[in-house]
Amino acid sequence: MCEEWNTFENFYKDMGSGYLPGLTLDRIDSDGDYCKENCRWVSQKEQQRNRRNNAIVESPWGRITIAELSEKSGINRQTLESRHYRGWKDSDLLRPVTVTKRHFPKEDTE
């Protein structure tokens, strides 16, 4: 945390005007300090997307989290996560999976 924020008055002077109920303080660069230049007020949803343990993938919408990719593509988040952690290339994550005969049990031909 920056030294200026050791008093609430200084913190409020820097960040108070952007606060709205329901927002949380977020560091833009999660490796950086808590200071005016590196902090912003965001929703809880956006806060969760700025965590280091989120998988970031390349997509038609740029570099985004898998949760964002799910929202934009309409593909279930767990499906995308499973594909990602199985080693699928980012460019293949949105690819439809085709069902072939091998997915169905063989028919009895008596």
PDB file of N, CA and C in Angstrom:
ATOM      1  N   MET A   1       0.850  -1.171   0.000  1.00  0.00           N
ATOM      2  CA  MET A   1       0.000   0.000   0.000  1.00  0.00           C
ATOM      3  C   MET A   1       0.894   1.232   0.000  1.00  0.00           C
ATOM      4  N   CYS A   2       0.493   2.236  -0.765  1.00  0.00           N
ATOM      5  CA  CYS A   2       1.287   3.460  -0.793  1.00  0.00           C
ATOM      6  C   CYS A   2       1.225   4.157   0.565  1.00  0.00           C
ATOM      7  N   GLU A   3       2.279   4.870   0.867  1.00  0.00           N
ATOM      8  CA  GLU A   3       2.391   5.521   2.172  1.00  0.00           C
ATOM      9  C   GLU A   3       1.294   6.557   2.398  1.00  0.00           C
ATOM     10  N   GLU A   4       0.871   7.222   1.313  1.00  0.00           N
ATOM     11  CA  GLU A   4      -0.160   8.259   1.449  1.00  0.00           C
ATOM     12  C   GLU A   4      -1.458   7.699   2.026  1.00  0.00           C
ATOM     13  N   TRP A   5      -1.716   6.434   1.780  1.00  0.00           N
ATOM     14  CA  TRP A   5      -2.968   5.843   2.224  1.00  0.00           C
ATOM     15  C   TRP A   5      -2.921   5.352   3.672  1.00  0.00           C
ATOM     16  N   ASN A   6      -1.897   5.704   4.397  1.00  0.00           N
ATOM     17  CA  ASN A   6      -1.845   5.348   5.816  1.00  0.00           C
ATOM     18  C   ASN A   6      -2.878   6.111   6.622  1.00  0.00           C
ATOM     19  N   THR A   7      -3.455   7.147   6.021  1.00  0.00           N
ATOM     20  CA  THR A   7      -4.573   7.840   6.674  1.00  0.00           C
ATOM     21  C   THR A   7      -5.796   7.709   5.781  1.00  0.00           C
ATOM     22  N   PHE A   8      -6.943   7.554   6.399  1.00  0.00           N
ATOM     23  CA  PHE A   8      -8.183   7.410   5.645  1.00  0.00           C
ATOM     24  C   PHE A   8      -8.468   8.657   4.815  1.00  0.00           C
ATOM     25  N   GLU A   9      -8.153   9.804   5.351  1.00  0.00           N
ATOM     26  CA  GLU A   9      -8.416  11.049   4.636  1.00  0.00           C
ATOM     27  C   GLU A   9      -7.716  11.075   3.282  1.00  0.00           C
ATOM     28  N   ASN A  10      -6.454  10.643   3.234  1.00  0.00           N
ATOM     29  CA  ASN A  10      -5.715  10.611   1.969  1.00  0.00           C
ATOM     30  C   ASN A  10      -6.293   9.566   1.012  1.00  0.00           C
ATOM     31  N   PHE A  11      -6.650   8.410   1.558  1.00  0.00           N
ATOM     32  CA  PHE A  11      -7.272   7.382   0.728  1.00  0.00           C
ATOM     33  C   PHE A  11      -8.570   7.927   0.127  1.00  0.00           C
ATOM     34  N   TYR A  12      -9.375   8.543   0.958  1.00  0.00           N
ATOM     35  CA  TYR A  12     -10.667   9.067   0.501  1.00  0.00           C
ATOM     36  C   TYR A  12     -10.479  10.165  -0.531  1.00  0.00           C
ATOM     37  N   LYS A  13      -9.470  11.005  -0.339  1.00  0.00           N
ATOM     38  CA  LYS A  13      -9.184  12.075  -1.307  1.00  0.00           C
ATOM     39  C   LYS A  13      -8.867  11.468  -2.679  1.00  0.00           C
ATOM     40  N   ASP A  14      -8.117  10.368  -2.697  1.00  0.00           N
ATOM     41  CA  ASP A  14      -7.734   9.723  -3.957  1.00  0.00           C
ATOM     42  C   ASP A  14      -8.848   8.884  -4.568  1.00  0.00           C
ATOM     43  N   MET A  15      -9.595   8.162  -3.747  1.00  0.00           N
ATOM     44  CA  MET A  15     -10.502   7.143  -4.276  1.00  0.00           C
ATOM     45  C   MET A  15     -11.977   7.359  -3.940  1.00  0.00           C
ATOM     46  N   GLY A  16     -12.288   8.225  -3.024  1.00  0.00           N
ATOM     47  CA  GLY A  16     -13.661   8.365  -2.546  1.00  0.00           C
ATOM     48  C   GLY A  16     -14.672   8.761  -3.591  1.00  0.00           C
ATOM     49  N   SER A  17     -14.284   9.590  -4.537  1.00  0.00           N
ATOM     50  CA  SER A  17     -15.269  10.104  -5.491  1.00  0.00           C
ATOM     51  C   SER A  17     -15.797   9.031  -6.450  1.00  0.00           C
ATOM     52  N   GLY A  18     -15.066   7.962  -6.679  1.00  0.00           N
ATOM     53  CA  GLY A  18     -15.520   6.919  -7.607  1.00  0.00           C
ATOM     54  C   GLY A  18     -16.333   5.823  -6.963  1.00  0.00           C
ATOM     55  N   TYR A  19     -16.465   5.865  -5.647  1.00  0.00           N
ATOM     56  CA  TYR A  19     -17.149   4.768  -4.957  1.00  0.00           C
ATOM     57  C   TYR A  19     -18.662   4.855  -5.142  1.00  0.00           C
ATOM     58  N   LEU A  20     -19.272   3.681  -5.362  1.00  0.00           N
ATOM     59  CA  LEU A  20     -20.724   3.507  -5.358  1.00  0.00           C
ATOM     60  C   LEU A  20     -21.030   2.251  -4.552  1.00  0.00           C
ATOM     61  N   PRO A  21     -22.183   2.191  -3.896  1.00  0.00           N
ATOM     62  CA  PRO A  21     -22.531   0.982  -3.144  1.00  0.00           C
ATOM     63  C   PRO A  21     -22.447  -0.260  -4.037  1.00  0.00           C
ATOM     64  N   GLY A  22     -21.872  -1.323  -3.496  1.00  0.00           N
ATOM     65  CA  GLY A  22     -21.743  -2.578  -4.223  1.00  0.00           C
ATOM     66  C   GLY A  22     -20.415  -2.742  -4.933  1.00  0.00           C
ATOM     67  N   LEU A  23     -19.611  -1.687  -5.001  1.00  0.00           N
ATOM     68  CA  LEU A  23     -18.307  -1.787  -5.656  1.00  0.00           C
ATOM     69  C   LEU A  23     -17.227  -2.166  -4.651  1.00  0.00           C
ATOM     70  N   THR A  24     -16.165  -2.762  -5.139  1.00  0.00           N
ATOM     71  CA  THR A  24     -15.031  -3.126  -4.297  1.00  0.00           C
ATOM     72  C   THR A  24     -13.760  -2.539  -4.903  1.00  0.00           C
ATOM     73  N   LEU A  25     -12.759  -2.352  -4.072  1.00  0.00           N
ATOM     74  CA  LEU A  25     -11.489  -1.803  -4.524  1.00  0.00           C
ATOM     75  C   LEU A  25     -10.673  -2.909  -5.183  1.00  0.00           C
ATOM     76  N   ASP A  26     -10.200  -2.664  -6.386  1.00  0.00           N
ATOM     77  CA  ASP A  26      -9.484  -3.660  -7.179  1.00  0.00           C
ATOM     78  C   ASP A  26      -8.176  -3.069  -7.661  1.00  0.00           C
ATOM     79  N   ARG A  27      -7.120  -3.907  -7.619  1.00  0.00           N
ATOM     80  CA  ARG A  27      -5.850  -3.480  -8.216  1.00  0.00           C
ATOM     81  C   ARG A  27      -5.862  -3.848  -9.689  1.00  0.00           C
ATOM     82  N   ILE A  28      -5.534  -2.914 -10.548  1.00  0.00           N
ATOM     83  CA  ILE A  28      -5.475  -3.147 -11.983  1.00  0.00           C
ATOM     84  C   ILE A  28      -4.401  -4.185 -12.283  1.00  0.00           C
ATOM     85  N   ASP A  29      -3.225  -3.996 -11.722  1.00  0.00           N
ATOM     86  CA  ASP A  29      -2.130  -4.967 -11.817  1.00  0.00           C
ATOM     87  C   ASP A  29      -2.056  -5.655 -10.461  1.00  0.00           C
ATOM     88  N   SER A  30      -2.452  -6.926 -10.403  1.00  0.00           N
ATOM     89  CA  SER A  30      -2.521  -7.613  -9.102  1.00  0.00           C
ATOM     90  C   SER A  30      -1.156  -7.804  -8.455  1.00  0.00           C
ATOM     91  N   ASP A  31      -0.074  -7.566  -9.184  1.00  0.00           N
ATOM     92  CA  ASP A  31       1.263  -7.609  -8.590  1.00  0.00           C
ATOM     93  C   ASP A  31       1.705  -6.230  -8.096  1.00  0.00           C
ATOM     94  N   GLY A  32       0.940  -5.208  -8.438  1.00  0.00           N
ATOM     95  CA  GLY A  32       1.300  -3.845  -8.062  1.00  0.00           C
ATOM     96  C   GLY A  32       0.776  -3.454  -6.693  1.00  0.00           C
ATOM     97  N   ASP A  33       1.127  -2.253  -6.284  1.00  0.00           N
ATOM     98  CA  ASP A  33       0.723  -1.736  -4.977  1.00  0.00           C
ATOM     99  C   ASP A  33      -0.715  -1.230  -4.992  1.00  0.00           C
ATOM    100  N   TYR A  34      -1.250  -1.091  -3.784  1.00  0.00           N
ATOM    101  CA  TYR A  34      -2.503  -0.371  -3.621  1.00  0.00           C
ATOM    102  C   TYR A  34      -2.136   1.107  -3.619  1.00  0.00           C
ATOM    103  N   CYS A  35      -2.456   1.795  -4.727  1.00  0.00           N
ATOM    104  CA  CYS A  35      -2.204   3.231  -4.847  1.00  0.00           C
ATOM    105  C   CYS A  35      -3.180   3.781  -5.884  1.00  0.00           C
ATOM    106  N   LYS A  36      -3.287   5.096  -5.929  1.00  0.00           N
ATOM    107  CA  LYS A  36      -4.262   5.744  -6.818  1.00  0.00           C
ATOM    108  C   LYS A  36      -4.106   5.279  -8.267  1.00  0.00           C
ATOM    109  N   GLU A  37      -2.892   5.155  -8.747  1.00  0.00           N
ATOM    110  CA  GLU A  37      -2.644   4.802 -10.146  1.00  0.00           C
ATOM    111  C   GLU A  37      -2.979   3.340 -10.468  1.00  0.00           C
ATOM    112  N   ASN A  38      -3.012   2.483  -9.453  1.00  0.00           N
ATOM    113  CA  ASN A  38      -3.205   1.055  -9.696  1.00  0.00           C
ATOM    114  C   ASN A  38      -4.521   0.523  -9.133  1.00  0.00           C
ATOM    115  N   CYS A  39      -5.401   1.394  -8.679  1.00  0.00           N
ATOM    116  CA  CYS A  39      -6.659   0.933  -8.084  1.00  0.00           C
ATOM    117  C   CYS A  39      -7.855   1.544  -8.780  1.00  0.00           C
ATOM    118  N   ARG A  40      -8.950   0.812  -8.704  1.00  0.00           N
ATOM    119  CA  ARG A  40     -10.214   1.265  -9.285  1.00  0.00           C
ATOM    120  C   ARG A  40     -11.350   0.613  -8.511  1.00  0.00           C
ATOM    121  N   TRP A  41     -12.531   1.181  -8.627  1.00  0.00           N
ATOM    122  CA  TRP A  41     -13.724   0.597  -8.038  1.00  0.00           C
ATOM    123  C   TRP A  41     -14.397  -0.262  -9.098  1.00  0.00           C
ATOM    124  N   VAL A  42     -14.688  -1.523  -8.775  1.00  0.00           N
ATOM    125  CA  VAL A  42     -15.306  -2.444  -9.731  1.00  0.00           C
ATOM    126  C   VAL A  42     -16.374  -3.281  -9.030  1.00  0.00           C
ATOM    127  N   SER A  43     -17.200  -3.925  -9.840  1.00  0.00           N
ATOM    128  CA  SER A  43     -18.205  -4.847  -9.304  1.00  0.00           C
ATOM    129  C   SER A  43     -17.511  -6.112  -8.807  1.00  0.00           C
ATOM    130  N   GLN A  44     -18.220  -6.881  -8.011  1.00  0.00           N
ATOM    131  CA  GLN A  44     -17.679  -8.150  -7.521  1.00  0.00           C
ATOM    132  C   GLN A  44     -17.363  -9.081  -8.686  1.00  0.00           C
ATOM    133  N   LYS A  45     -18.203  -9.057  -9.723  1.00  0.00           N
ATOM    134  CA  LYS A  45     -17.992  -9.895 -10.903  1.00  0.00           C
ATOM    135  C   LYS A  45     -16.659  -9.552 -11.572  1.00  0.00           C
ATOM    136  N   GLU A  46     -16.410  -8.263 -11.765  1.00  0.00           N
ATOM    137  CA  GLU A  46     -15.155  -7.853 -12.389  1.00  0.00           C
ATOM    138  C   GLU A  46     -13.963  -8.148 -11.474  1.00  0.00           C
ATOM    139  N   GLN A  47     -14.165  -8.004 -10.188  1.00  0.00           N
ATOM    140  CA  GLN A  47     -13.109  -8.320  -9.217  1.00  0.00           C
ATOM    141  C   GLN A  47     -12.691  -9.784  -9.340  1.00  0.00           C
ATOM    142  N   GLN A  48     -13.658 -10.681  -9.475  1.00  0.00           N
ATOM    143  CA  GLN A  48     -13.358 -12.103  -9.597  1.00  0.00           C
ATOM    144  C   GLN A  48     -12.617 -12.418 -10.899  1.00  0.00           C
ATOM    145  N   ARG A  49     -12.835 -11.609 -11.915  1.00  0.00           N
ATOM    146  CA  ARG A  49     -12.172 -11.853 -13.198  1.00  0.00           C
ATOM    147  C   ARG A  49     -10.751 -11.315 -13.237  1.00  0.00           C
ATOM    148  N   ASN A  50     -10.353 -10.593 -12.220  1.00  0.00           N
ATOM    149  CA  ASN A  50      -9.003 -10.038 -12.188  1.00  0.00           C
ATOM    150  C   ASN A  50      -8.121 -10.822 -11.212  1.00  0.00           C
ATOM    151  N   ARG A  51      -8.420 -12.075 -11.011  1.00  0.00           N
ATOM    152  CA  ARG A  51      -7.626 -12.912 -10.101  1.00  0.00           C
ATOM    153  C   ARG A  51      -6.513 -13.597 -10.873  1.00  0.00           C
ATOM    154  N   ARG A  52      -5.395 -13.829 -10.206  1.00  0.00           N
ATOM    155  CA  ARG A  52      -4.273 -14.476 -10.891  1.00  0.00           C
ATOM    156  C   ARG A  52      -4.548 -15.903 -11.309  1.00  0.00           C
ATOM    157  N   ASN A  53      -5.447 -16.593 -10.651  1.00  0.00           N
ATOM    158  CA  ASN A  53      -5.673 -18.002 -10.982  1.00  0.00           C
ATOM    159  C   ASN A  53      -6.678 -18.185 -12.123  1.00  0.00           C
ATOM    160  N   ASN A  54      -7.158 -17.096 -12.716  1.00  0.00           N
ATOM    161  CA  ASN A  54      -8.049 -17.204 -13.872  1.00  0.00           C
ATOM    162  C   ASN A  54      -7.253 -17.592 -15.107  1.00  0.00           C
ATOM    163  N   ALA A  55      -7.818 -18.475 -15.885  1.00  0.00           N
ATOM    164  CA  ALA A  55      -7.209 -18.812 -17.173  1.00  0.00           C
ATOM    165  C   ALA A  55      -7.603 -17.725 -18.162  1.00  0.00           C
ATOM    166  N   ILE A  56      -6.612 -17.148 -18.818  1.00  0.00           N
ATOM    167  CA  ILE A  56      -6.833 -16.132 -19.838  1.00  0.00           C
ATOM    168  C   ILE A  56      -6.575 -16.788 -21.188  1.00  0.00           C
ATOM    169  N   VAL A  57      -7.499 -16.601 -22.110  1.00  0.00           N
ATOM    170  CA  VAL A  57      -7.381 -17.236 -23.424  1.00  0.00           C
ATOM    171  C   VAL A  57      -7.511 -16.190 -24.525  1.00  0.00           C
ATOM    172  N   GLU A  58      -6.940 -16.517 -25.681  1.00  0.00           N
ATOM    173  CA  GLU A  58      -7.117 -15.679 -26.870  1.00  0.00           C
ATOM    174  C   GLU A  58      -8.457 -16.046 -27.488  1.00  0.00           C
ATOM    175  N   SER A  59      -9.212 -15.039 -27.899  1.00  0.00           N
ATOM    176  CA  SER A  59     -10.540 -15.292 -28.465  1.00  0.00           C
ATOM    177  C   SER A  59     -10.821 -14.274 -29.563  1.00  0.00           C
ATOM    178  N   PRO A  60     -11.918 -14.439 -30.259  1.00  0.00           N
ATOM    179  CA  PRO A  60     -12.302 -13.420 -31.247  1.00  0.00           C
ATOM    180  C   PRO A  60     -12.541 -12.050 -30.600  1.00  0.00           C
ATOM    181  N   TRP A  61     -12.720 -12.009 -29.275  1.00  0.00           N
ATOM    182  CA  TRP A  61     -12.954 -10.764 -28.545  1.00  0.00           C
ATOM    183  C   TRP A  61     -11.698 -10.273 -27.835  1.00  0.00           C
ATOM    184  N   GLY A  62     -10.560 -10.852 -28.138  1.00  0.00           N
ATOM    185  CA  GLY A  62      -9.303 -10.477 -27.488  1.00  0.00           C
ATOM    186  C   GLY A  62      -8.961 -11.432 -26.359  1.00  0.00           C
ATOM    187  N   ARG A  63      -8.025 -11.034 -25.503  1.00  0.00           N
ATOM    188  CA  ARG A  63      -7.624 -11.854 -24.350  1.00  0.00           C
ATOM    189  C   ARG A  63      -8.647 -11.673 -23.237  1.00  0.00           C
ATOM    190  N   ILE A  64      -9.336 -12.762 -22.912  1.00  0.00           N
ATOM    191  CA  ILE A  64     -10.388 -12.703 -21.894  1.00  0.00           C
ATOM    192  C   ILE A  64     -10.362 -13.965 -21.041  1.00  0.00           C
ATOM    193  N   THR A  65     -11.077 -13.917 -19.928  1.00  0.00           N
ATOM    194  CA  THR A  65     -11.177 -15.093 -19.060  1.00  0.00           C
ATOM    195  C   THR A  65     -12.142 -16.102 -19.681  1.00  0.00           C
ATOM    196  N   ILE A  66     -12.064 -17.314 -19.195  1.00  0.00           N
ATOM    197  CA  ILE A  66     -12.978 -18.359 -19.680  1.00  0.00           C
ATOM    198  C   ILE A  66     -14.425 -18.006 -19.324  1.00  0.00           C
ATOM    199  N   ALA A  67     -14.640 -17.390 -18.171  1.00  0.00           N
ATOM    200  CA  ALA A  67     -16.003 -16.978 -17.800  1.00  0.00           C
ATOM    201  C   ALA A  67     -16.548 -15.971 -18.803  1.00  0.00           C
ATOM    202  N   GLU A  68     -15.724 -15.016 -19.229  1.00  0.00           N
ATOM    203  CA  GLU A  68     -16.164 -14.041 -20.234  1.00  0.00           C
ATOM    204  C   GLU A  68     -16.405 -14.722 -21.579  1.00  0.00           C
ATOM    205  N   LEU A  69     -15.535 -15.659 -21.930  1.00  0.00           N
ATOM    206  CA  LEU A  69     -15.688 -16.400 -23.178  1.00  0.00           C
ATOM    207  C   LEU A  69     -17.014 -17.156 -23.183  1.00  0.00           C
ATOM    208  N   SER A  70     -17.363 -17.719 -22.051  1.00  0.00           N
ATOM    209  CA  SER A  70     -18.633 -18.433 -21.923  1.00  0.00           C
ATOM    210  C   SER A  70     -19.812 -17.482 -22.144  1.00  0.00           C
ATOM    211  N   GLU A  71     -19.767 -16.313 -21.518  1.00  0.00           N
ATOM    212  CA  GLU A  71     -20.853 -15.336 -21.681  1.00  0.00           C
ATOM    213  C   GLU A  71     -21.005 -14.900 -23.138  1.00  0.00           C
ATOM    214  N   LYS A  72     -19.891 -14.634 -23.782  1.00  0.00           N
ATOM    215  CA  LYS A  72     -19.924 -14.118 -25.154  1.00  0.00           C
ATOM    216  C   LYS A  72     -20.292 -15.185 -26.178  1.00  0.00           C
ATOM    217  N   SER A  73     -19.878 -16.422 -25.931  1.00  0.00           N
ATOM    218  CA  SER A  73     -20.095 -17.482 -26.915  1.00  0.00           C
ATOM    219  C   SER A  73     -21.372 -18.276 -26.681  1.00  0.00           C
ATOM    220  N   GLY A  74     -21.863 -18.270 -25.434  1.00  0.00           N
ATOM    221  CA  GLY A  74     -23.033 -19.089 -25.105  1.00  0.00           C
ATOM    222  C   GLY A  74     -22.685 -20.530 -24.787  1.00  0.00           C
ATOM    223  N   ILE A  75     -21.386 -20.855 -24.766  1.00  0.00           N
ATOM    224  CA  ILE A  75     -20.946 -22.212 -24.427  1.00  0.00           C
ATOM    225  C   ILE A  75     -20.757 -22.288 -22.916  1.00  0.00           C
ATOM    226  N   ASN A  76     -21.226 -23.357 -22.321  1.00  0.00           N
ATOM    227  CA  ASN A  76     -21.149 -23.556 -20.884  1.00  0.00           C
ATOM    228  C   ASN A  76     -19.712 -23.348 -20.379  1.00  0.00           C
ATOM    229  N   ARG A  77     -19.571 -22.629 -19.276  1.00  0.00           N
ATOM    230  CA  ARG A  77     -18.247 -22.336 -18.718  1.00  0.00           C
ATOM    231  C   ARG A  77     -17.480 -23.606 -18.371  1.00  0.00           C
ATOM    232  N   GLN A  78     -18.158 -24.590 -17.781  1.00  0.00           N
ATOM    233  CA  GLN A  78     -17.481 -25.832 -17.416  1.00  0.00           C
ATOM    234  C   GLN A  78     -16.972 -26.564 -18.653  1.00  0.00           C
ATOM    235  N   THR A  79     -17.711 -26.501 -19.745  1.00  0.00           N
ATOM    236  CA  THR A  79     -17.269 -27.125 -20.996  1.00  0.00           C
ATOM    237  C   THR A  79     -15.978 -26.472 -21.468  1.00  0.00           C
ATOM    238  N   LEU A  80     -15.952 -25.134 -21.467  1.00  0.00           N
ATOM    239  CA  LEU A  80     -14.758 -24.416 -21.904  1.00  0.00           C
ATOM    240  C   LEU A  80     -13.573 -24.681 -20.981  1.00  0.00           C
ATOM    241  N   GLU A  81     -13.830 -24.706 -19.664  1.00  0.00           N
ATOM    242  CA  GLU A  81     -12.745 -24.991 -18.715  1.00  0.00           C
ATOM    243  C   GLU A  81     -12.183 -26.380 -18.943  1.00  0.00           C
ATOM    244  N   SER A  82     -13.062 -27.346 -19.142  1.00  0.00           N
ATOM    245  CA  SER A  82     -12.625 -28.719 -19.377  1.00  0.00           C
ATOM    246  C   SER A  82     -11.760 -28.802 -20.630  1.00  0.00           C
ATOM    247  N   ARG A  83     -12.201 -28.161 -21.689  1.00  0.00           N
ATOM    248  CA  ARG A  83     -11.426 -28.165 -22.925  1.00  0.00           C
ATOM    249  C   ARG A  83     -10.065 -27.509 -22.712  1.00  0.00           C
ATOM    250  N   HIS A  84     -10.057 -26.388 -22.017  1.00  0.00           N
ATOM    251  CA  HIS A  84      -8.804 -25.661 -21.780  1.00  0.00           C
ATOM    252  C   HIS A  84      -7.821 -26.516 -20.973  1.00  0.00           C
ATOM    253  N   TYR A  85      -8.294 -27.096 -19.871  1.00  0.00           N
ATOM    254  CA  TYR A  85      -7.399 -27.868 -19.007  1.00  0.00           C
ATOM    255  C   TYR A  85      -7.008 -29.214 -19.609  1.00  0.00           C
ATOM    256  N   ARG A  86      -7.730 -29.663 -20.633  1.00  0.00           N
ATOM    257  CA  ARG A  86      -7.334 -30.869 -21.365  1.00  0.00           C
ATOM    258  C   ARG A  86      -6.294 -30.553 -22.436  1.00  0.00           C
ATOM    259  N   GLY A  87      -5.981 -29.264 -22.593  1.00  0.00           N
ATOM    260  CA  GLY A  87      -4.930 -28.880 -23.525  1.00  0.00           C
ATOM    261  C   GLY A  87      -5.393 -28.434 -24.896  1.00  0.00           C
ATOM    262  N   TRP A  88      -6.691 -28.191 -25.043  1.00  0.00           N
ATOM    263  CA  TRP A  88      -7.162 -27.696 -26.331  1.00  0.00           C
ATOM    264  C   TRP A  88      -6.519 -26.350 -26.624  1.00  0.00           C
ATOM    265  N   LYS A  89      -6.206 -26.094 -27.879  1.00  0.00           N
ATOM    266  CA  LYS A  89      -5.701 -24.792 -28.291  1.00  0.00           C
ATOM    267  C   LYS A  89      -6.807 -23.759 -28.111  1.00  0.00           C
ATOM    268  N   ASP A  90      -6.413 -22.524 -27.786  1.00  0.00           N
ATOM    269  CA  ASP A  90      -7.409 -21.462 -27.625  1.00  0.00           C
ATOM    270  C   ASP A  90      -8.284 -21.336 -28.867  1.00  0.00           C
ATOM    271  N   SER A  91      -7.684 -21.494 -30.032  1.00  0.00           N
ATOM    272  CA  SER A  91      -8.439 -21.347 -31.284  1.00  0.00           C
ATOM    273  C   SER A  91      -9.480 -22.450 -31.478  1.00  0.00           C
ATOM    274  N   ASP A  92      -9.368 -23.546 -30.724  1.00  0.00           N
ATOM    275  CA  ASP A  92     -10.322 -24.652 -30.856  1.00  0.00           C
ATOM    276  C   ASP A  92     -11.399 -24.660 -29.774  1.00  0.00           C
ATOM    277  N   LEU A  93     -11.283 -23.814 -28.764  1.00  0.00           N
ATOM    278  CA  LEU A  93     -12.216 -23.862 -27.639  1.00  0.00           C
ATOM    279  C   LEU A  93     -13.669 -23.659 -28.055  1.00  0.00           C
ATOM    280  N   LEU A  94     -13.902 -22.858 -29.076  1.00  0.00           N
ATOM    281  CA  LEU A  94     -15.268 -22.562 -29.516  1.00  0.00           C
ATOM    282  C   LEU A  94     -15.759 -23.502 -30.613  1.00  0.00           C
ATOM    283  N   ARG A  95     -14.901 -24.428 -31.015  1.00  0.00           N
ATOM    284  CA  ARG A  95     -15.239 -25.351 -32.096  1.00  0.00           C
ATOM    285  C   ARG A  95     -16.367 -26.282 -31.671  1.00  0.00           C
ATOM    286  N   PRO A  96     -17.389 -26.439 -32.522  1.00  0.00           N
ATOM    287  CA  PRO A  96     -18.446 -27.394 -32.176  1.00  0.00           C
ATOM    288  C   PRO A  96     -17.908 -28.816 -32.239  1.00  0.00           C
ATOM    289  N   VAL A  97     -18.386 -29.637 -31.361  1.00  0.00           N
ATOM    290  CA  VAL A  97     -17.986 -31.042 -31.350  1.00  0.00           C
ATOM    291  C   VAL A  97     -19.045 -31.810 -32.131  1.00  0.00           C
ATOM    292  N   THR A  98     -18.606 -32.551 -33.119  1.00  0.00           N
ATOM    293  CA  THR A  98     -19.555 -33.324 -33.926  1.00  0.00           C
ATOM    294  C   THR A  98     -19.722 -34.714 -33.326  1.00  0.00           C
ATOM    295  N   VAL A  99     -20.912 -35.190 -33.377  1.00  0.00           N
ATOM    296  CA  VAL A  99     -21.223 -36.525 -32.870  1.00  0.00           C
ATOM    297  C   VAL A  99     -21.131 -37.486 -34.042  1.00  0.00           C
ATOM    298  N   THR A 100     -20.381 -38.550 -33.842  1.00  0.00           N
ATOM    299  CA  THR A 100     -20.222 -39.554 -34.894  1.00  0.00           C
ATOM    300  C   THR A 100     -20.823 -40.868 -34.435  1.00  0.00           C
ATOM    301  N   LYS A 101     -20.845 -41.831 -35.343  1.00  0.00           N
ATOM    302  CA  LYS A 101     -21.409 -43.145 -35.012  1.00  0.00           C
ATOM    303  C   LYS A 101     -20.710 -43.770 -33.813  1.00  0.00           C
ATOM    304  N   ARG A 102     -19.441 -43.505 -33.651  1.00  0.00           N
ATOM    305  CA  ARG A 102     -18.715 -44.154 -32.549  1.00  0.00           C
ATOM    306  C   ARG A 102     -19.229 -43.728 -31.172  1.00  0.00           C
ATOM    307  N   HIS A 103     -20.039 -42.684 -31.110  1.00  0.00           N
ATOM    308  CA  HIS A 103     -20.606 -42.234 -29.848  1.00  0.00           C
ATOM    309  C   HIS A 103     -21.832 -43.035 -29.433  1.00  0.00           C
ATOM    310  N   PHE A 104     -22.340 -43.855 -30.337  1.00  0.00           N
ATOM    311  CA  PHE A 104     -23.549 -44.608 -30.052  1.00  0.00           C
ATOM    312  C   PHE A 104     -23.237 -46.095 -30.029  1.00  0.00           C
ATOM    313  N   PRO A 105     -23.948 -46.854 -29.202  1.00  0.00           N
ATOM    314  CA  PRO A 105     -23.733 -48.302 -29.181  1.00  0.00           C
ATOM    315  C   PRO A 105     -24.144 -48.917 -30.519  1.00  0.00           C
ATOM    316  N   LYS A 106     -23.481 -49.992 -30.853  1.00  0.00           N
ATOM    317  CA  LYS A 106     -23.803 -50.677 -32.120  1.00  0.00           C
ATOM    318  C   LYS A 106     -25.196 -51.293 -32.021  1.00  0.00           C
ATOM    319  N   GLU A 107     -25.881 -51.248 -33.135  1.00  0.00           N
ATOM    320  CA  GLU A 107     -27.232 -51.827 -33.190  1.00  0.00           C
ATOM    321  C   GLU A 107     -27.099 -53.337 -33.403  1.00  0.00           C
ATOM    322  N   ASP A 108     -28.017 -54.085 -32.790  1.00  0.00           N
ATOM    323  CA  ASP A 108     -28.045 -55.533 -33.052  1.00  0.00           C
ATOM    324  C   ASP A 108     -28.611 -55.751 -34.439  1.00  0.00           C
ATOM    325  N   THR A 109     -27.952 -56.580 -35.198  1.00  0.00           N
ATOM    326  CA  THR A 109     -28.428 -56.876 -36.571  1.00  0.00           C
ATOM    327  C   THR A 109     -28.766 -58.356 -36.652  1.00  0.00           C
ATOM    328  N   GLU A 110     -29.843 -58.745 -36.065  1.00  0.00           N
ATOM    329  CA  GLU A 110     -30.267 -60.136 -36.065  1.00  0.00           C
ATOM    330  C   GLU A 110     -31.166 -60.452 -37.213  1.00  0.00           C
TER     331      GLU A 110
END
